[in-house]
N, C-alpha and C. Protein backbone atom coordinates (compact mmCIF):
# COMPACT_ATOMS: atom_id res chain seq x y z
N UNK A 1 68.24 99.14 -82.11
CA UNK A 1 68.33 99.45 -83.33
C UNK A 1 69.09 98.15 -84.21
N UNK A 2 70.29 98.24 -83.90
CA UNK A 2 71.08 97.09 -84.11
C UNK A 2 70.62 96.36 -85.78
N UNK A 3 70.52 95.08 -85.81
CA UNK A 3 70.47 94.63 -86.93
C UNK A 3 69.21 95.20 -88.05
N UNK A 4 68.38 95.88 -87.00
CA UNK A 4 67.30 96.45 -88.15
C UNK A 4 67.65 97.71 -88.82
N UNK A 5 68.17 98.28 -88.30
CA UNK A 5 68.89 99.74 -88.98
C UNK A 5 70.32 99.89 -89.64
N UNK A 6 70.69 98.55 -89.49
CA UNK A 6 72.25 98.13 -90.27
C UNK A 6 72.19 98.40 -91.54
N UNK A 7 71.12 97.83 -92.45
CA UNK A 7 71.24 98.15 -94.02
C UNK A 7 71.11 99.32 -94.20
N UNK A 8 70.26 100.67 -93.81
CA UNK A 8 69.91 101.44 -94.00
C UNK A 8 71.28 102.06 -93.81
N UNK A 9 72.08 102.25 -92.74
CA UNK A 9 72.79 103.08 -92.36
C UNK A 9 74.31 102.66 -93.15
N UNK A 10 74.40 101.50 -93.47
CA UNK A 10 75.39 101.08 -94.40
C UNK A 10 75.24 101.67 -96.03
N UNK A 11 73.94 102.08 -96.37
CA UNK A 11 73.40 102.42 -97.78
C UNK A 11 74.01 104.00 -97.43
N UNK A 12 73.62 104.30 -96.38
CA UNK A 12 73.92 106.41 -96.12
C UNK A 12 75.25 106.36 -95.94
N UNK A 13 76.27 105.20 -95.50
CA UNK A 13 77.62 105.63 -95.57
C UNK A 13 78.14 105.32 -96.89
N UNK A 14 77.81 104.59 -97.55
CA UNK A 14 78.08 104.22 -99.03
C UNK A 14 78.04 105.10 -100.15
N UNK A 15 76.67 105.70 -99.84
CA UNK A 15 75.92 106.72 -101.01
C UNK A 15 76.91 107.67 -101.28
N UNK A 16 77.41 108.67 -100.56
CA UNK A 16 78.67 109.88 -100.85
C UNK A 16 79.56 109.01 -101.91
N UNK A 17 79.98 108.00 -101.69
CA UNK A 17 81.49 107.39 -102.32
C UNK A 17 80.89 107.03 -103.71
N UNK A 18 79.85 106.16 -103.73
CA UNK A 18 79.17 105.49 -104.96
C UNK A 18 78.37 106.77 -105.87
N UNK A 19 78.19 107.95 -105.43
CA UNK A 19 77.54 109.07 -106.02
C UNK A 19 78.66 109.73 -106.68
N UNK A 20 80.20 110.08 -106.11
CA UNK A 20 81.21 110.58 -106.62
C UNK A 20 81.46 109.75 -107.47
N UNK A 21 81.78 108.27 -107.29
CA UNK A 21 82.11 107.60 -108.32
C UNK A 21 81.46 107.39 -109.75
N UNK A 22 80.23 107.50 -109.54
CA UNK A 22 79.59 107.77 -110.68
C UNK A 22 79.58 109.08 -111.60
N UNK A 23 79.49 110.32 -110.86
CA UNK A 23 79.95 111.36 -111.26
C UNK A 23 81.26 111.47 -112.42
N UNK A 24 82.37 110.92 -111.65
CA UNK A 24 83.38 110.90 -112.13
C UNK A 24 83.66 110.03 -113.22
N UNK A 25 82.98 108.87 -112.97
CA UNK A 25 83.00 107.86 -114.30
C UNK A 25 82.22 108.08 -115.42
N UNK A 26 80.90 108.71 -115.02
CA UNK A 26 79.78 108.90 -116.32
C UNK A 26 79.48 110.20 -116.48
N UNK A 27 79.93 110.85 -115.44
CA UNK A 27 79.77 112.55 -115.73
C UNK A 27 78.16 112.83 -115.06
N UNK A 28 77.75 114.25 -114.66
CA UNK A 28 76.89 114.59 -114.07
C UNK A 28 75.25 114.35 -114.87
N UNK A 29 75.17 114.46 -116.26
CA UNK A 29 73.95 114.00 -116.92
C UNK A 29 73.70 112.26 -116.51
N UNK A 30 74.62 111.46 -116.50
CA UNK A 30 74.21 110.00 -116.40
C UNK A 30 73.94 109.90 -115.15
N UNK A 31 74.45 110.71 -113.77
CA UNK A 31 74.23 110.54 -112.63
C UNK A 31 72.97 110.84 -112.62
N UNK A 32 72.28 112.21 -112.91
CA UNK A 32 70.77 112.38 -113.00
C UNK A 32 69.90 111.50 -113.48
N UNK A 33 70.17 110.81 -114.49
CA UNK A 33 69.34 109.88 -115.41
C UNK A 33 69.36 108.65 -114.24
N UNK A 34 70.39 108.37 -113.47
CA UNK A 34 70.64 107.57 -112.76
C UNK A 34 69.64 107.52 -111.55
N UNK A 35 69.84 108.75 -110.96
CA UNK A 35 68.99 108.83 -109.81
C UNK A 35 67.53 109.07 -110.33
N UNK A 36 67.52 109.39 -111.22
CA UNK A 36 65.71 109.54 -111.86
C UNK A 36 65.05 108.05 -112.04
N UNK A 37 66.11 107.44 -112.25
CA UNK A 37 65.68 105.80 -112.72
C UNK A 37 65.40 105.29 -111.52
N UNK A 38 66.25 105.36 -110.42
CA UNK A 38 66.41 104.85 -109.38
C UNK A 38 64.94 105.27 -108.41
N UNK A 39 64.67 106.58 -108.57
CA UNK A 39 63.51 107.16 -108.05
C UNK A 39 62.06 106.44 -108.51
N UNK A 40 62.37 106.21 -109.88
CA UNK A 40 61.10 105.85 -110.70
C UNK A 40 60.84 104.45 -110.10
N UNK A 41 62.16 103.32 -109.65
CA UNK A 41 62.07 102.14 -109.42
C UNK A 41 61.49 102.14 -107.96
N UNK A 42 61.93 102.90 -107.32
CA UNK A 42 61.34 102.99 -105.95
C UNK A 42 59.75 103.41 -105.81
N UNK A 43 59.18 104.31 -106.60
CA UNK A 43 57.67 104.34 -106.91
C UNK A 43 57.27 102.89 -107.26
N UNK A 44 57.57 102.36 -108.30
CA UNK A 44 57.26 101.19 -108.52
C UNK A 44 56.94 100.18 -107.82
N UNK A 45 58.17 100.13 -107.35
CA UNK A 45 57.99 98.79 -106.08
C UNK A 45 57.30 99.29 -104.82
N UNK A 46 56.90 100.51 -104.45
CA UNK A 46 56.01 100.94 -103.63
C UNK A 46 54.73 100.79 -103.97
N UNK A 47 54.63 101.09 -105.05
CA UNK A 47 53.17 100.94 -105.72
C UNK A 47 52.69 99.13 -105.72
N UNK A 48 53.80 98.47 -106.07
CA UNK A 48 53.53 96.94 -106.27
C UNK A 48 53.06 96.22 -104.85
N UNK A 49 53.96 96.72 -104.00
CA UNK A 49 53.70 96.27 -102.59
C UNK A 49 52.60 96.68 -101.92
N UNK A 50 52.07 98.03 -102.29
CA UNK A 50 50.70 98.57 -101.80
C UNK A 50 49.63 97.93 -102.56
N UNK A 51 50.09 97.59 -103.70
CA UNK A 51 48.85 96.75 -104.32
C UNK A 51 48.70 95.38 -104.21
N UNK A 52 49.56 95.00 -103.77
CA UNK A 52 49.69 93.43 -103.02
C UNK A 52 48.79 93.31 -102.04
N UNK A 53 48.88 94.26 -101.18
CA UNK A 53 48.26 94.21 -99.61
C UNK A 53 47.01 94.63 -99.90
N UNK A 54 46.62 95.61 -101.05
CA UNK A 54 45.03 95.87 -101.06
C UNK A 54 44.38 94.81 -101.60
N UNK A 55 45.16 94.15 -102.79
CA UNK A 55 44.41 92.81 -103.27
C UNK A 55 45.36 91.80 -103.45
N UNK A 56 45.08 91.19 -102.24
CA UNK A 56 45.81 89.88 -102.11
C UNK A 56 45.23 88.60 -102.95
N UNK A 57 46.39 87.97 -103.29
CA UNK A 57 46.16 86.66 -104.29
C UNK A 57 44.92 85.75 -103.54
N UNK A 58 44.05 85.27 -104.36
CA UNK A 58 43.16 84.35 -104.13
C UNK A 58 43.58 82.75 -103.84
N UNK A 59 44.31 82.58 -102.56
CA UNK A 59 44.44 81.22 -102.49
C UNK A 59 43.54 80.12 -101.77
C-alpha cells in the first residue's frame, strides 16, 4: 500500500477536523453547500476523465 494509499489515508484523517472547522466557522448550511459543490466537482471531473478516455484527441 505505502505511497499509493498515503494521499487517501491522509485525506480520511484530516476530513473530520476540516469538517468541524467549516461547521464552526461558517455554519451547517454553508457546510452542506460546500459538500454539494465538492460532490458536483467530483462528478464533473469523473465525467471529464471518462470522456477524455472515450474520445482521445487526434494527434
